[in-house]
PDB file of N, CA and C in Angstrom:
ATOM      1  N   TYR A   1      57.789 -41.185  25.813  1.00  0.00           N
ATOM      2  CA  TYR A   1      58.488 -41.155  24.550  1.00  0.00           C
ATOM      3  C   TYR A   1      57.503 -40.861  23.436  1.00  0.00           C
ATOM      4  N   ALA A   2      58.010 -40.338  22.335  1.00  0.00           N
ATOM      5  CA  ALA A   2      57.158 -40.051  21.180  1.00  0.00           C
ATOM      6  C   ALA A   2      57.905 -40.420  19.911  1.00  0.00           C
ATOM      7  N   PHE A   3      57.161 -40.808  18.910  1.00  0.00           N
ATOM      8  CA  PHE A   3      57.723 -41.097  17.598  1.00  0.00           C
ATOM      9  C   PHE A   3      56.900 -40.331  16.584  1.00  0.00           C
ATOM     10  N   LEU A   4      57.545 -39.515  15.785  1.00  0.00           N
ATOM     11  CA  LEU A   4      56.865 -38.726  14.769  1.00  0.00           C
ATOM     12  C   LEU A   4      57.343 -39.168  13.400  1.00  0.00           C
ATOM     13  N   ALA A   5      56.421 -39.621  12.570  1.00  0.00           N
ATOM     14  CA  ALA A   5      56.744 -40.012  11.198  1.00  0.00           C
ATOM     15  C   ALA A   5      56.172 -38.942  10.277  1.00  0.00           C
ATOM     16  N   ALA A   6      56.910 -37.860  10.116  1.00  0.00           N
ATOM     17  CA  ALA A   6      56.439 -36.729   9.310  1.00  0.00           C
ATOM     18  C   ALA A   6      57.068 -36.750   7.925  1.00  0.00           C
ATOM     19  N   ASP A   7      57.024 -37.907   7.294  1.00  0.00           N
ATOM     20  CA  ASP A   7      57.554 -38.029   5.941  1.00  0.00           C
ATOM     21  C   ASP A   7      56.601 -38.886   5.122  1.00  0.00           C
ATOM     22  N   SER A   8      56.972 -39.201   3.905  1.00  0.00           N
ATOM     23  CA  SER A   8      56.084 -39.950   3.015  1.00  0.00           C
ATOM     24  C   SER A   8      56.160 -41.464   3.211  1.00  0.00           C
ATOM     25  N   VAL A   9      56.888 -41.947   4.213  1.00  0.00           N
ATOM     26  CA  VAL A   9      56.998 -43.390   4.448  1.00  0.00           C
ATOM     27  C   VAL A   9      55.697 -43.953   5.015  1.00  0.00           C
ATOM     28  N   TYR A  10      55.016 -43.188   5.861  1.00  0.00           N
ATOM     29  CA  TYR A  10      53.775 -43.632   6.500  1.00  0.00           C
ATOM     30  C   TYR A  10      52.634 -42.665   6.169  1.00  0.00           C
ATOM     31  N   PRO A  11      52.223 -42.608   4.913  1.00  0.00           N
ATOM     32  CA  PRO A  11      51.231 -41.595   4.546  1.00  0.00           C
ATOM     33  C   PRO A  11      49.796 -41.975   4.929  1.00  0.00           C
ATOM     34  N   PHE A  12      49.006 -40.979   5.272  1.00  0.00           N
ATOM     35  CA  PHE A  12      47.558 -41.074   5.397  1.00  0.00           C
ATOM     36  C   PHE A  12      47.029 -40.042   4.405  1.00  0.00           C
ATOM     37  N   PRO A  13      46.892 -40.415   3.129  1.00  0.00           N
ATOM     38  CA  PRO A  13      46.608 -39.430   2.102  1.00  0.00           C
ATOM     39  C   PRO A  13      45.229 -38.772   2.178  1.00  0.00           C
ATOM     40  N   CYS A  14      44.284 -39.439   2.786  1.00  0.00           N
ATOM     41  CA  CYS A  14      42.935 -38.865   2.818  1.00  0.00           C
ATOM     42  C   CYS A  14      42.138 -39.463   3.963  1.00  0.00           C
ATOM     43  N   CYS A  15      40.862 -39.449   3.781  1.00  0.00           N
ATOM     44  CA  CYS A  15      39.920 -39.938   4.799  1.00  0.00           C
ATOM     45  C   CYS A  15      40.048 -41.454   4.958  1.00  0.00           C
ATOM     46  N   GLY A  16      39.586 -41.954   6.084  1.00  0.00           N
ATOM     47  CA  GLY A  16      39.623 -43.390   6.291  1.00  0.00           C
ATOM     48  C   GLY A  16      39.673 -43.749   7.757  1.00  0.00           C
ATOM     49  N   VAL A  17      39.988 -45.005   8.009  1.00  0.00           N
ATOM     50  CA  VAL A  17      40.015 -45.544   9.359  1.00  0.00           C
ATOM     51  C   VAL A  17      41.311 -46.306   9.563  1.00  0.00           C
ATOM     52  N   VAL A  18      41.960 -46.101  10.701  1.00  0.00           N
ATOM     53  CA  VAL A  18      43.130 -46.906  11.054  1.00  0.00           C
ATOM     54  C   VAL A  18      42.595 -48.243  11.542  1.00  0.00           C
ATOM     55  N   LYS A  19      42.929 -49.313  10.839  1.00  0.00           N
ATOM     56  CA  LYS A  19      42.425 -50.640  11.186  1.00  0.00           C
ATOM     57  C   LYS A  19      43.315 -51.354  12.185  1.00  0.00           C
ATOM     58  N   GLN A  20      44.579 -50.964  12.254  1.00  0.00           N
ATOM     59  CA  GLN A  20      45.517 -51.698  13.098  1.00  0.00           C
ATOM     60  C   GLN A  20      46.720 -50.829  13.438  1.00  0.00           C
ATOM     61  N   TRP A  21      47.176 -50.947  14.680  1.00  0.00           N
ATOM     62  CA  TRP A  21      48.437 -50.352  15.113  1.00  0.00           C
ATOM     63  C   TRP A  21      49.374 -51.509  15.406  1.00  0.00           C
ATOM     64  N   ARG A  22      50.645 -51.353  15.126  1.00  0.00           N
ATOM     65  CA  ARG A  22      51.624 -52.377  15.465  1.00  0.00           C
ATOM     66  C   ARG A  22      52.749 -51.712  16.253  1.00  0.00           C
ATOM     67  N   ALA A  23      52.982 -52.228  17.452  1.00  0.00           N
ATOM     68  CA  ALA A  23      54.026 -51.664  18.306  1.00  0.00           C
ATOM     69  C   ALA A  23      54.551 -52.750  19.229  1.00  0.00           C
ATOM     70  N   PHE A  24      55.778 -52.606  19.656  1.00  0.00           N
ATOM     71  CA  PHE A  24      56.387 -53.516  20.622  1.00  0.00           C
ATOM     72  C   PHE A  24      56.418 -52.792  21.961  1.00  0.00           C
ATOM     73  N   ILE A  25      55.596 -53.258  22.896  1.00  0.00           N
ATOM     74  CA  ILE A  25      55.424 -52.578  24.175  1.00  0.00           C
ATOM     75  C   ILE A  25      55.718 -53.552  25.305  1.00  0.00           C
ATOM     76  N   LYS A  26      56.570 -53.142  26.241  1.00  0.00           N
ATOM     77  CA  LYS A  26      56.863 -53.980  27.405  1.00  0.00           C
ATOM     78  C   LYS A  26      55.637 -54.087  28.299  1.00  0.00           C
ATOM     79  N   LYS A  27      55.537 -55.192  29.032  1.00  0.00           N
ATOM     80  CA  LYS A  27      54.448 -55.369  29.987  1.00  0.00           C
ATOM     81  C   LYS A  27      54.517 -54.286  31.056  1.00  0.00           C
ATOM     82  N   HIS A  28      53.372 -53.921  31.560  1.00  0.00           N
ATOM     83  CA  HIS A  28      53.243 -52.945  32.643  1.00  0.00           C
ATOM     84  C   HIS A  28      53.846 -51.586  32.282  1.00  0.00           C
ATOM     85  N   THR A  29      53.761 -51.232  31.017  1.00  0.00           N
ATOM     86  CA  THR A  29      54.262 -49.937  30.557  1.00  0.00           C
ATOM     87  C   THR A  29      53.332 -48.813  31.000  1.00  0.00           C
ATOM     88  N   GLY A  30      52.065 -49.115  31.082  1.00  0.00           N
ATOM     89  CA  GLY A  30      51.071 -48.093  31.422  1.00  0.00           C
ATOM     90  C   GLY A  30      50.232 -47.773  30.205  1.00  0.00           C
ATOM     91  N   THR A  31      49.758 -46.568  30.125  1.00  0.00           N
ATOM     92  CA  THR A  31      48.896 -46.153  29.025  1.00  0.00           C
ATOM     93  C   THR A  31      49.735 -45.654  27.856  1.00  0.00           C
ATOM     94  N   VAL A  32      49.413 -46.158  26.662  1.00  0.00           N
ATOM     95  CA  VAL A  32      50.088 -45.741  25.432  1.00  0.00           C
ATOM     96  C   VAL A  32      49.030 -45.110  24.528  1.00  0.00           C
ATOM     97  N   LEU A  33      49.328 -43.943  23.993  1.00  0.00           N
ATOM     98  CA  LEU A  33      48.413 -43.275  23.074  1.00  0.00           C
ATOM     99  C   LEU A  33      48.953 -43.373  21.651  1.00  0.00           C
ATOM    100  N   PHE A  34      48.116 -43.819  20.742  1.00  0.00           N
ATOM    101  CA  PHE A  34      48.440 -43.834  19.322  1.00  0.00           C
ATOM    102  C   PHE A  34      47.647 -42.699  18.699  1.00  0.00           C
ATOM    103  N   GLU A  35      48.332 -41.780  18.026  1.00  0.00           N
ATOM    104  CA  GLU A  35      47.671 -40.592  17.494  1.00  0.00           C
ATOM    105  C   GLU A  35      48.043 -40.348  16.035  1.00  0.00           C
ATOM    106  N   VAL A  36      47.106 -39.803  15.296  1.00  0.00           N
ATOM    107  CA  VAL A  36      47.344 -39.358  13.919  1.00  0.00           C
ATOM    108  C   VAL A  36      47.133 -37.851  13.895  1.00  0.00           C
ATOM    109  N   TRP A  37      48.164 -37.131  13.496  1.00  0.00           N
ATOM    110  CA  TRP A  37      48.117 -35.674  13.392  1.00  0.00           C
ATOM    111  C   TRP A  37      48.214 -35.290  11.924  1.00  0.00           C
ATOM    112  N   ARG A  38      47.443 -34.309  11.509  1.00  0.00           N
ATOM    113  CA  ARG A  38      47.495 -33.811  10.131  1.00  0.00           C
ATOM    114  C   ARG A  38      48.151 -32.432  10.106  1.00  0.00           C
ATOM    115  N   SER A  39      49.042 -32.261   9.147  1.00  0.00           N
ATOM    116  CA  SER A  39      49.673 -30.957   8.954  1.00  0.00           C
ATOM    117  C   SER A  39      48.627 -29.997   8.397  1.00  0.00           C
ATOM    118  N   ILE A  40      48.515 -28.823   9.016  1.00  0.00           N
ATOM    119  CA  ILE A  40      47.560 -27.837   8.501  1.00  0.00           C
ATOM    120  C   ILE A  40      48.266 -26.636   7.876  1.00  0.00           C
ATOM    121  N   SER A  41      49.507 -26.368   8.312  1.00  0.00           N
ATOM    122  CA  SER A  41      50.330 -25.342   7.668  1.00  0.00           C
ATOM    123  C   SER A  41      51.663 -25.246   8.388  1.00  0.00           C
ATOM    124  N   GLY A  42      52.723 -25.184   7.626  1.00  0.00           N
ATOM    125  CA  GLY A  42      54.059 -25.034   8.212  1.00  0.00           C
ATOM    126  C   GLY A  42      54.332 -26.031   9.318  1.00  0.00           C
ATOM    127  N   THR A  43      54.459 -25.542  10.543  1.00  0.00           N
ATOM    128  CA  THR A  43      54.719 -26.423  11.684  1.00  0.00           C
ATOM    129  C   THR A  43      53.474 -26.628  12.551  1.00  0.00           C
ATOM    130  N   ALA A  44      52.300 -26.280  12.036  1.00  0.00           N
ATOM    131  CA  ALA A  44      51.043 -26.443  12.785  1.00  0.00           C
ATOM    132  C   ALA A  44      50.369 -27.755  12.397  1.00  0.00           C
ATOM    133  N   TYR A  45      49.895 -28.484  13.409  1.00  0.00           N
ATOM    134  CA  TYR A  45      49.239 -29.772  13.193  1.00  0.00           C
ATOM    135  C   TYR A  45      47.917 -29.817  13.937  1.00  0.00           C
ATOM    136  N   LYS A  46      47.001 -30.665  13.455  1.00  0.00           N
ATOM    137  CA  LYS A  46      45.700 -30.862  14.100  1.00  0.00           C
ATOM    138  C   LYS A  46      45.526 -32.353  14.377  1.00  0.00           C
ATOM    139  N   LEU A  47      45.071 -32.693  15.583  1.00  0.00           N
ATOM    140  CA  LEU A  47      44.851 -34.090  15.944  1.00  0.00           C
ATOM    141  C   LEU A  47      43.658 -34.629  15.158  1.00  0.00           C
ATOM    142  N   ALA A  48      43.899 -35.671  14.349  1.00  0.00           N
ATOM    143  CA  ALA A  48      42.838 -36.265  13.533  1.00  0.00           C
ATOM    144  C   ALA A  48      42.139 -37.397  14.274  1.00  0.00           C
ATOM    145  N   GLY A  49      42.858 -38.092  15.150  1.00  0.00           N
ATOM    146  CA  GLY A  49      42.256 -39.187  15.896  1.00  0.00           C
ATOM    147  C   GLY A  49      43.272 -39.851  16.792  1.00  0.00           C
ATOM    148  N   SER A  50      42.773 -40.601  17.788  1.00  0.00           N
ATOM    149  CA  SER A  50      43.687 -41.287  18.702  1.00  0.00           C
ATOM    150  C   SER A  50      43.027 -42.533  19.282  1.00  0.00           C
ATOM    151  N   ASN A  51      43.864 -43.460  19.725  1.00  0.00           N
ATOM    152  CA  ASN A  51      43.435 -44.674  20.411  1.00  0.00           C
ATOM    153  C   ASN A  51      44.304 -44.849  21.638  1.00  0.00           C
ATOM    154  N   GLU A  52      43.712 -45.375  22.708  1.00  0.00           N
ATOM    155  CA  GLU A  52      44.434 -45.600  23.961  1.00  0.00           C
ATOM    156  C   GLU A  52      44.593 -47.095  24.188  1.00  0.00           C
ATOM    157  N   PHE A  53      45.789 -47.513  24.603  1.00  0.00           N
ATOM    158  CA  PHE A  53      46.076 -48.916  24.901  1.00  0.00           C
ATOM    159  C   PHE A  53      46.745 -48.973  26.265  1.00  0.00           C
ATOM    160  N   VAL A  54      46.269 -49.853  27.137  1.00  0.00           N
ATOM    161  CA  VAL A  54      46.865 -50.004  28.460  1.00  0.00           C
ATOM    162  C   VAL A  54      47.646 -51.305  28.492  1.00  0.00           C
ATOM    163  N   ALA A  55      48.968 -51.198  28.736  1.00  0.00           N
ATOM    164  CA  ALA A  55      49.842 -52.378  28.742  1.00  0.00           C
ATOM    165  C   ALA A  55      50.163 -52.789  30.161  1.00  0.00           C
TER     166      ALA A  55
END
């Protein structure tokens, strides 16, 4: 599954560090990737960073 928040509700306006992710994950889900993508033009995006969590 994927969740894309491509609106102004969850902005990352500039440089910085993600200090915390919050998610509700069932036990034994497997590997979950948390990713931040930046819009570079139109429908093109670039991966800015990611973290892996094993549930």
